[in-house]
Protein backbone atom coordinates (compact mmCIF):
# COMPACT_ATOMS: atom_id res chain seq x y z
CA MET A 1 7.23 -3.01 -48.46
CA THR A 2 9.21 -2.34 -46.24
CA ASN A 3 7.05 0.56 -45.63
CA LEU A 4 3.05 -0.35 -46.42
CA ASP A 5 0.51 0.80 -43.33
CA THR A 6 -2.14 0.09 -45.10
CA LEU A 7 -3.58 -2.99 -46.91
CA PHE A 8 -7.21 -3.41 -47.86
CA LEU A 9 -8.29 -6.79 -47.75
CA GLU A 10 -11.87 -6.76 -47.60
CA GLY A 11 -13.99 -9.52 -49.52
CA ASN A 12 -10.50 -11.18 -50.71
CA ARG A 13 -10.57 -15.04 -49.21
CA LEU A 14 -6.77 -14.85 -49.11
CA ARG A 15 -5.58 -17.60 -46.98
CA LEU A 16 -1.69 -17.29 -47.00
CA LEU A 17 -0.01 -13.48 -45.99
CA VAL A 18 3.80 -13.28 -45.81
CA LEU A 19 6.02 -9.78 -44.90
CA PRO A 20 8.44 -8.37 -43.00
CA ASP A 21 8.58 -8.47 -39.15
CA SER A 22 8.75 -5.33 -38.88
CA LEU A 23 5.88 -4.63 -40.36
CA ALA A 24 3.86 -7.12 -38.96
CA ALA A 25 4.49 -5.85 -35.59
CA THR A 26 3.79 -1.81 -35.83
CA ASN A 27 2.40 -0.65 -39.18
CA LEU A 28 -0.27 -3.65 -40.75
CA ALA A 29 -0.10 -5.54 -36.60
CA ALA A 30 -4.09 -4.94 -36.37
CA THR A 31 -4.39 -6.72 -39.55
CA VAL A 32 -2.01 -9.14 -38.74
CA THR A 33 -4.19 -10.09 -35.75
CA SER A 34 -7.49 -9.85 -37.85
CA LEU A 35 -6.74 -11.99 -40.36
CA ARG A 36 -5.51 -14.58 -37.89
CA ASN A 37 -8.49 -14.54 -36.37
CA GLN A 38 -9.92 -15.63 -39.88
CA GLY A 39 -8.03 -17.77 -39.95
CA VAL A 40 -5.65 -16.78 -42.41
CA SER A 41 -1.38 -17.99 -42.19
CA VAL A 42 0.75 -15.26 -41.50
CA PHE A 43 4.65 -15.44 -41.42
CA ALA A 44 6.38 -13.08 -40.87
CA TYR A 45 10.26 -12.73 -41.88
CA PRO A 46 13.64 -10.45 -40.22
CA LEU A 47 15.04 -8.37 -42.97
CA ALA A 48 18.48 -9.51 -43.09
CA ALA A 49 19.12 -13.08 -43.32
CA SER A 50 20.29 -15.06 -40.21
CA LEU A 51 21.49 -19.01 -39.37
CA ILE A 52 19.44 -20.03 -36.54
CA SER A 53 19.02 -22.95 -33.84
CA PRO A 54 21.72 -25.51 -34.61
CA ARG A 55 21.98 -28.68 -33.88
CA ARG A 56 23.73 -32.04 -33.96
CA THR A 57 21.48 -34.10 -35.65
CA GLU A 58 20.52 -38.32 -33.99
CA ASN A 59 22.53 -39.29 -37.37
CA GLY A 60 25.29 -36.96 -37.29
CA ASP A 61 24.48 -34.67 -39.37
CA PHE A 62 24.28 -30.88 -38.35
CA GLU A 63 21.20 -28.84 -38.89
CA PHE A 64 20.74 -25.29 -38.85
CA THR A 65 18.24 -22.56 -39.50
CA VAL A 66 18.33 -20.13 -42.55
CA THR A 67 15.72 -17.50 -41.15
CA GLY A 68 15.24 -13.41 -43.87
CA PRO A 69 13.09 -12.35 -46.15
CA PRO A 70 12.24 -15.28 -48.80
CA SER A 71 14.62 -16.22 -51.79
CA VAL A 72 16.81 -19.72 -52.28
CA TYR A 73 19.63 -19.09 -50.55
CA THR A 74 23.04 -20.97 -51.48
CA VAL A 75 25.00 -22.30 -47.94
CA PHE A 76 28.56 -22.00 -48.03
CA GLY A 77 30.69 -23.49 -45.14
CA SER A 78 34.43 -23.11 -44.43
CA ILE A 79 36.88 -25.08 -41.64
CA ASP A 80 38.83 -21.87 -41.46
CA LEU A 81 37.14 -18.61 -42.86
CA ALA A 82 39.42 -18.51 -45.74
CA ALA A 83 38.70 -21.01 -48.19
CA TRP A 84 34.47 -21.55 -48.63
CA SER A 85 33.02 -23.98 -50.47
CA GLU A 86 29.53 -24.18 -51.48
CA LEU A 87 26.86 -27.08 -49.14
CA GLY A 88 24.31 -26.36 -51.59
CA VAL A 89 20.81 -24.40 -51.49
CA THR A 90 17.64 -23.62 -49.92
CA THR A 91 14.48 -22.25 -50.46
CA ASN A 92 12.71 -20.66 -47.86
CA ALA A 93 9.46 -19.39 -49.07
CA LEU A 94 8.51 -18.44 -45.61
CA GLY A 95 10.80 -16.51 -43.84
CA ARG A 96 12.45 -19.97 -42.78
CA SER A 97 13.70 -23.17 -44.56
CA VAL A 98 16.04 -25.89 -42.55
CA PHE A 99 19.49 -27.02 -44.23
CA ILE A 100 21.10 -29.99 -43.44
CA ASP A 101 24.78 -30.49 -44.28
CA ALA A 102 25.80 -34.01 -43.89
CA THR A 103 29.11 -33.58 -44.74
CA GLY A 104 30.45 -32.55 -41.72
CA ALA A 105 32.23 -35.24 -39.09
CA PRO A 106 30.41 -35.30 -35.97
CA SER A 107 34.51 -33.47 -34.64
CA GLU A 108 35.08 -31.57 -37.18
CA ARG A 109 35.09 -27.79 -36.92
CA LYS A 110 33.00 -25.70 -39.33
CA PHE A 111 31.78 -22.29 -40.36
CA TYR A 112 28.29 -21.08 -42.23
CA ARG A 113 27.22 -18.38 -44.65
CA ALA A 114 24.03 -18.44 -46.94
CA ARG A 115 24.01 -15.55 -49.11
CA PHE A 116 20.87 -15.14 -51.74
CA ALA A 117 21.45 -17.15 -54.49
CA LEU A 118 23.22 -15.39 -57.50
């Protein structure tokens, strides 16, 4: 759907649209604005998956947001970038999903990566 340049929706009772941010900002920008003005929820996502907004929660867990194409992502953690262990999965339905790692001690250094679940 990255090359879509026209989306005809007249008479459609659309309530939600999820599309790549590259389309929302370029080819379909006018359509997105019109839909939002009609009360349609529009969610745009980046084409490449990223881990953003890392933070320590109040109870000491580590939390971050997975952004990217809607999918189920498997999240991995490593303390040395050599050995990786699966920490869990997160479902990214609208272009972003929060993942909480409750396995790490507050002072522990840990690296993270996510990939599309197979």
